[in-house]
Amino acid sequence: ELVSSGVWNVVSQLSYIFNEGLDLLISNLFIGPAQMAVLAIAKTIPGLITSIFGNISSVFSPDLTKLYAEDKLEDFKNAINNSIKILGIIVNIPIAGLIVFGQQFYKLWVPTQDYNQIHILSVLTVMCLVLSGSTVTIYSIFSITNKIKTNAIVTLSLGLVSTAIVFVLIRTTGFGVYAVAGVSTSLAILKNLIFVFPYAAKCINAKWYTFYIPAFRGVFCCFLTIGICYIFKAVIPVDSWVSLFSAGALSGLTGFIANSFIVLKKSERKMLFDKVSKKLLRQKA
């Protein structure tokens, strides 16, 4: 049983090579090394955000696995819901910050490069996280319930389709490197909407639309945070690292508070703020 699960996990990981790992190679071979370098820079921050999300979501996995192993399905569903709420408060802040302040960030970071193009490519790369960022713990359901095979086959198939579409677009259109960044993101969004959300719900005997509600709530919170970032961007001229950090920090704090009121109940919000306050006071002491 472990060997079978391991094999399908390998197949699933292979799909990420088609979705992510081949992007730079395809750009280098079929578009040019200069555009490959631009894409590599553009994928750096989205890759960092994805890594942070993965590390945060992995914190919930041990408790989720324990609850499922003990056949406490209601507690398991509640734990999934709580993890989505917590991630929903956090994940939209860096995504919104990259979308709104990305151009100024890249202008300061790589002034000799085409920072406008880098920003567009970064936004294309990170857009799938607008939908799936707050629900990233859903992916652990496949491993916990040992229903990896179907997800692996679907993911691998989409990886192959993504690679094929990119080749066609590069050969027949002038999209170039934008096709490389946009196709994988578009297919990832479709995969979440058509397959991941309903199938994950089926794996835990929940209603098929269970995860659509928190996913679209996360999208709403992300657009709200984007609006907050634009307000601070209009008030604070972002032309240096100090002003960028100031505008980003104020936007992030305001977005965190706003998301807390949208996502959490009053009792949950009070508990979260009490924990944050105690931790800050402990650090000062």
Protein backbone atom coordinates (compact mmCIF):
# COMPACT_ATOMS: atom_id res chain seq x y z
CA GLU A 1 0.00 0.00 0.00
CA LEU A 2 2.85 2.38 0.86
CA VAL A 3 4.70 1.50 -2.34
CA SER A 4 1.58 2.10 -4.42
CA SER A 5 0.98 5.49 -2.78
CA GLY A 6 4.64 6.37 -3.26
CA VAL A 7 4.52 5.55 -6.96
CA TRP A 8 1.49 7.74 -7.53
CA ASN A 9 3.11 10.53 -5.52
CA VAL A 10 6.09 10.31 -7.89
CA VAL A 11 3.71 10.53 -10.86
CA SER A 12 2.06 13.56 -9.30
CA GLN A 13 5.41 15.27 -8.74
CA LEU A 14 6.37 14.52 -12.35
CA SER A 15 3.46 16.67 -13.45
CA TYR A 16 4.94 19.68 -11.69
CA ILE A 17 7.98 19.34 -13.94
CA PHE A 18 5.72 19.82 -16.94
CA ASN A 19 3.84 22.67 -15.28
CA GLU A 20 6.76 24.54 -13.74
CA GLY A 21 10.15 22.96 -14.35
CA LEU A 22 10.02 23.02 -18.15
CA ASP A 23 8.99 26.68 -18.41
CA LEU A 24 12.51 28.04 -18.36
CA LEU A 25 13.86 25.31 -20.63
CA ILE A 26 11.12 25.91 -23.22
CA SER A 27 11.70 29.67 -23.04
CA ASN A 28 15.44 29.20 -23.53
CA LEU A 29 15.16 26.82 -26.47
CA PHE A 30 12.23 28.31 -28.37
CA ILE A 31 12.09 31.99 -27.40
CA GLY A 32 15.62 32.93 -26.40
CA PRO A 33 17.94 33.14 -23.38
CA ALA A 34 17.10 36.82 -22.78
CA GLN A 35 13.39 36.07 -22.35
CA MET A 36 14.25 33.04 -20.24
CA ALA A 37 16.18 35.31 -17.88
CA VAL A 38 13.20 37.67 -17.63
CA LEU A 39 10.87 34.78 -16.85
CA ALA A 40 13.30 33.42 -14.25
CA ILE A 41 13.27 36.77 -12.44
CA ALA A 42 9.47 37.00 -12.72
CA LYS A 43 8.98 33.54 -11.19
CA THR A 44 11.26 34.20 -8.20
CA ILE A 45 8.80 36.06 -5.93
CA PRO A 46 5.74 33.92 -6.86
CA GLY A 47 7.87 30.85 -6.19
CA LEU A 48 8.82 32.24 -2.78
CA ILE A 49 5.17 32.97 -1.96
CA THR A 50 4.18 29.44 -3.00
CA SER A 51 6.94 27.99 -0.82
CA ILE A 52 5.78 30.02 2.18
CA PHE A 53 2.19 28.86 1.66
CA GLY A 54 3.36 25.26 1.46
CA ASN A 55 5.33 25.56 4.69
CA ILE A 56 2.41 27.17 6.52
CA SER A 57 -0.11 24.60 5.27
CA SER A 58 2.17 21.70 6.28
CA VAL A 59 1.77 22.78 9.91
CA PHE A 60 -1.85 21.56 9.81
CA SER A 61 -1.09 18.16 8.26
CA PRO A 62 -0.18 16.18 11.44
CA ASP A 63 -3.40 17.13 13.26
CA LEU A 64 -5.50 16.49 10.16
CA THR A 65 -3.90 13.08 9.66
CA LYS A 66 -4.48 12.16 13.31
CA LEU A 67 -8.14 13.17 13.22
CA TYR A 68 -8.77 11.20 10.03
CA ALA A 69 -6.94 8.14 11.40
CA GLU A 70 -9.12 8.27 14.52
CA ASP A 71 -12.22 8.41 12.27
CA LYS A 72 -13.27 11.77 13.69
CA LEU A 73 -14.63 13.04 10.39
CA GLU A 74 -16.59 15.98 11.80
CA ASP A 75 -13.55 17.21 13.74
CA PHE A 76 -11.47 16.62 10.59
CA LYS A 77 -13.82 18.79 8.50
CA ASN A 78 -13.79 21.50 11.18
CA ALA A 79 -9.98 21.43 11.26
CA ILE A 80 -9.86 21.79 7.46
CA ASN A 81 -12.26 24.73 7.69
CA ASN A 82 -10.17 26.40 10.42
CA SER A 83 -6.97 25.98 8.41
CA ILE A 84 -8.68 27.60 5.40
CA LYS A 85 -9.77 30.52 7.57
CA ILE A 86 -6.28 31.11 8.94
CA LEU A 87 -4.67 30.87 5.50
CA GLY A 88 -7.39 33.13 4.09
CA ILE A 89 -6.29 35.90 6.44
CA ILE A 90 -2.60 35.55 5.62
CA VAL A 91 -2.11 34.49 2.01
CA ASN A 92 -3.87 37.34 0.25
CA ILE A 93 -1.51 39.96 1.66
CA PRO A 94 1.68 39.02 -0.28
CA ILE A 95 -0.35 38.24 -3.41
CA ALA A 96 -2.05 41.65 -3.35
CA GLY A 97 1.26 43.33 -2.53
CA LEU A 98 2.95 41.76 -5.56
CA ILE A 99 0.08 42.70 -7.87
CA VAL A 100 -0.10 46.34 -6.72
CA PHE A 101 3.49 47.16 -5.78
CA GLY A 102 5.25 44.70 -8.08
CA GLN A 103 6.18 47.22 -10.73
CA GLN A 104 7.86 49.53 -8.20
CA PHE A 105 9.53 46.57 -6.52
CA TYR A 106 11.09 45.27 -9.73
CA LYS A 107 12.08 48.79 -10.76
CA LEU A 108 14.06 49.09 -7.53
CA TRP A 109 15.37 45.52 -7.60
CA VAL A 110 16.37 45.15 -11.27
CA PRO A 111 16.36 48.68 -12.75
CA THR A 112 18.32 47.58 -15.83
CA GLN A 113 15.68 45.00 -16.82
CA ASP A 114 12.24 45.49 -18.37
CA TYR A 115 10.48 45.73 -15.01
CA ASN A 116 7.07 46.24 -16.63
CA GLN A 117 7.32 42.91 -18.43
CA ILE A 118 8.64 41.19 -15.31
CA HIS A 119 5.70 42.52 -13.32
CA ILE A 120 3.16 41.27 -15.88
CA LEU A 121 4.76 37.82 -15.93
CA SER A 122 4.78 37.70 -12.12
CA VAL A 123 1.08 38.56 -11.99
CA LEU A 124 0.31 35.86 -14.58
CA THR A 125 2.27 33.35 -12.51
CA VAL A 126 0.68 34.22 -9.18
CA MET A 127 -2.94 34.52 -10.35
CA CYS A 128 -3.75 30.87 -9.65
CA LEU A 129 -2.93 31.50 -5.97
CA VAL A 130 -5.73 34.07 -5.80
CA LEU A 131 -8.15 31.14 -6.07
CA SER A 132 -6.21 28.34 -4.38
CA GLY A 133 -4.00 30.17 -1.85
CA SER A 134 -6.40 30.04 1.09
CA THR A 135 -7.47 26.47 0.26
CA VAL A 136 -4.00 24.97 -0.17
CA THR A 137 -4.59 22.52 2.71
CA ILE A 138 -7.23 20.83 0.54
CA TYR A 139 -4.43 19.18 -1.43
CA SER A 140 -3.34 17.28 1.70
CA ILE A 141 -6.72 15.51 1.70
CA PHE A 142 -5.61 13.29 -1.19
CA SER A 143 -2.60 12.01 0.76
CA ILE A 144 -4.41 11.72 4.10
CA THR A 145 -7.28 9.72 2.59
CA ASN A 146 -4.85 7.78 0.37
CA LYS A 147 -6.72 8.74 -2.78
CA ILE A 148 -3.71 9.91 -4.75
CA LYS A 149 -4.12 7.99 -7.99
CA THR A 150 -6.89 10.04 -9.60
CA ASN A 151 -5.28 13.35 -8.63
CA ALA A 152 -1.92 12.16 -9.99
CA ILE A 153 -3.41 11.11 -13.33
CA VAL A 154 -5.35 14.37 -13.73
CA THR A 155 -2.35 16.49 -12.74
CA LEU A 156 0.00 14.65 -15.09
CA SER A 157 -2.50 14.89 -17.95
CA LEU A 158 -2.86 18.63 -17.45
CA GLY A 159 0.91 18.97 -17.34
CA LEU A 160 1.23 17.28 -20.72
CA VAL A 161 -1.64 19.34 -22.13
CA SER A 162 -0.05 22.54 -20.79
CA THR A 163 3.28 21.74 -22.45
CA ALA A 164 1.56 20.93 -25.76
CA ILE A 165 -0.49 24.15 -25.73
CA VAL A 166 2.61 26.23 -24.96
CA PHE A 167 4.43 24.68 -27.95
CA VAL A 168 1.48 25.45 -30.23
CA LEU A 169 1.14 29.05 -29.03
CA ILE A 170 4.87 29.70 -29.38
CA ARG A 171 4.84 28.36 -32.94
CA THR A 172 1.62 30.02 -34.12
CA THR A 173 1.27 33.26 -32.14
CA GLY A 174 3.36 36.17 -30.94
CA PHE A 175 2.59 35.65 -27.26
CA GLY A 176 6.06 34.29 -26.61
CA VAL A 177 7.01 34.14 -22.96
CA TYR A 178 3.52 35.31 -21.90
CA ALA A 179 2.13 32.03 -23.25
CA VAL A 180 4.61 30.10 -21.11
CA ALA A 181 3.52 31.91 -17.94
CA GLY A 182 -0.18 32.16 -18.72
CA VAL A 183 -1.08 28.67 -19.90
CA SER A 184 0.01 26.81 -16.75
CA THR A 185 -1.81 29.36 -14.58
CA SER A 186 -5.02 29.10 -16.60
CA LEU A 187 -5.01 25.30 -16.49
CA ALA A 188 -4.26 25.33 -12.75
CA ILE A 189 -7.32 27.50 -12.14
CA LEU A 190 -9.49 25.19 -14.28
CA LYS A 191 -8.13 22.15 -12.47
CA ASN A 192 -9.09 23.61 -9.09
CA LEU A 193 -12.58 24.59 -10.23
CA ILE A 194 -13.45 21.45 -12.18
CA PHE A 195 -11.58 18.71 -10.32
CA VAL A 196 -9.76 19.54 -7.04
CA PHE A 197 -12.58 21.18 -5.07
CA PRO A 198 -15.36 18.64 -5.85
CA TYR A 199 -13.08 15.59 -5.69
CA ALA A 200 -11.54 16.62 -2.36
CA ALA A 201 -15.07 17.03 -0.97
CA LYS A 202 -15.97 13.57 -2.25
CA CYS A 203 -12.90 12.07 -0.54
CA ILE A 204 -14.19 13.17 2.88
CA ASN A 205 -17.89 12.49 2.14
CA ALA A 206 -18.78 16.18 2.06
CA LYS A 207 -21.07 18.00 -0.35
CA TRP A 208 -19.48 18.66 -3.73
CA TYR A 209 -19.62 22.45 -3.35
CA THR A 210 -18.07 22.49 0.15
CA PHE A 211 -14.76 24.06 -0.86
CA TYR A 212 -16.10 26.51 -3.43
CA ILE A 213 -17.46 28.76 -0.69
CA PRO A 214 -14.14 29.34 1.14
CA ALA A 215 -12.29 29.54 -2.20
CA PHE A 216 -14.45 32.39 -3.52
CA ARG A 217 -14.41 34.03 -0.10
CA GLY A 218 -10.62 34.02 -0.42
CA VAL A 219 -10.89 35.59 -3.88
CA PHE A 220 -13.10 38.35 -2.44
CA CYS A 221 -10.62 38.97 0.39
CA CYS A 222 -7.78 39.15 -2.12
CA PHE A 223 -9.53 41.79 -4.23
CA LEU A 224 -10.37 43.72 -1.07
CA THR A 225 -6.70 43.66 -0.08
CA ILE A 226 -5.72 44.76 -3.59
CA GLY A 227 -8.07 47.74 -3.21
CA ILE A 228 -6.48 48.61 0.15
CA CYS A 229 -3.01 48.42 -1.41
CA TYR A 230 -4.06 50.79 -4.20
CA ILE A 231 -5.32 53.29 -1.61
CA PHE A 232 -1.99 53.35 0.20
CA LYS A 233 -0.16 53.44 -3.12
CA ALA A 234 -2.10 56.58 -4.03
CA VAL A 235 -1.36 58.20 -0.66
CA ILE A 236 2.32 57.21 -0.34
CA PRO A 237 4.57 57.90 -3.39
CA VAL A 238 6.53 54.66 -3.82
CA ASP A 239 9.92 55.68 -5.19
CA SER A 240 12.37 54.12 -2.73
CA TRP A 241 12.82 50.99 -0.63
CA VAL A 242 11.71 52.87 2.49
CA SER A 243 8.47 54.14 0.95
CA LEU A 244 7.83 50.72 -0.63
CA PHE A 245 8.27 49.00 2.72
CA SER A 246 6.11 51.59 4.50
CA ALA A 247 3.26 51.35 1.99
CA GLY A 248 3.51 47.56 1.95
CA ALA A 249 3.53 47.25 5.75
CA LEU A 250 0.55 49.57 6.22
CA SER A 251 -1.38 47.82 3.44
CA GLY A 252 -0.57 44.42 4.89
CA LEU A 253 -1.67 45.37 8.42
CA THR A 254 -4.89 46.95 7.18
CA GLY A 255 -5.59 43.98 4.91
CA PHE A 256 -4.95 41.55 7.79
CA ILE A 257 -7.46 43.35 10.01
CA ALA A 258 -10.06 43.62 7.21
CA ASN A 259 -9.70 39.94 6.29
CA SER A 260 -10.04 38.96 9.94
CA PHE A 261 -13.43 40.66 10.15
CA ILE A 262 -14.61 38.96 6.95
CA VAL A 263 -13.29 35.45 7.57
CA LEU A 264 -13.49 34.96 11.33
CA LYS A 265 -16.34 34.93 13.78
CA LYS A 266 -16.22 37.37 16.71
CA SER A 267 -15.00 34.70 19.15
CA GLU A 268 -12.37 33.44 16.69
CA ARG A 269 -11.20 36.98 16.01
CA LYS A 270 -10.85 37.73 19.71
CA MET A 271 -8.87 34.54 20.25
CA LEU A 272 -6.53 35.36 17.34
CA PHE A 273 -5.91 38.95 18.48
CA ASP A 274 -5.32 37.78 22.07
CA LYS A 275 -2.70 35.32 20.87
CA VAL A 276 -0.98 37.94 18.71
CA SER A 277 -1.02 40.49 21.56
CA LYS A 278 0.40 38.01 24.07
CA LYS A 279 3.16 37.04 21.68
CA LEU A 280 4.10 40.67 21.02
CA LEU A 281 4.12 41.46 24.74
CA ARG A 282 6.25 38.40 25.43
CA GLN A 283 8.78 39.50 22.80
CA LYS A 284 8.96 43.01 24.32
CA ALA A 285 9.50 41.53 27.77
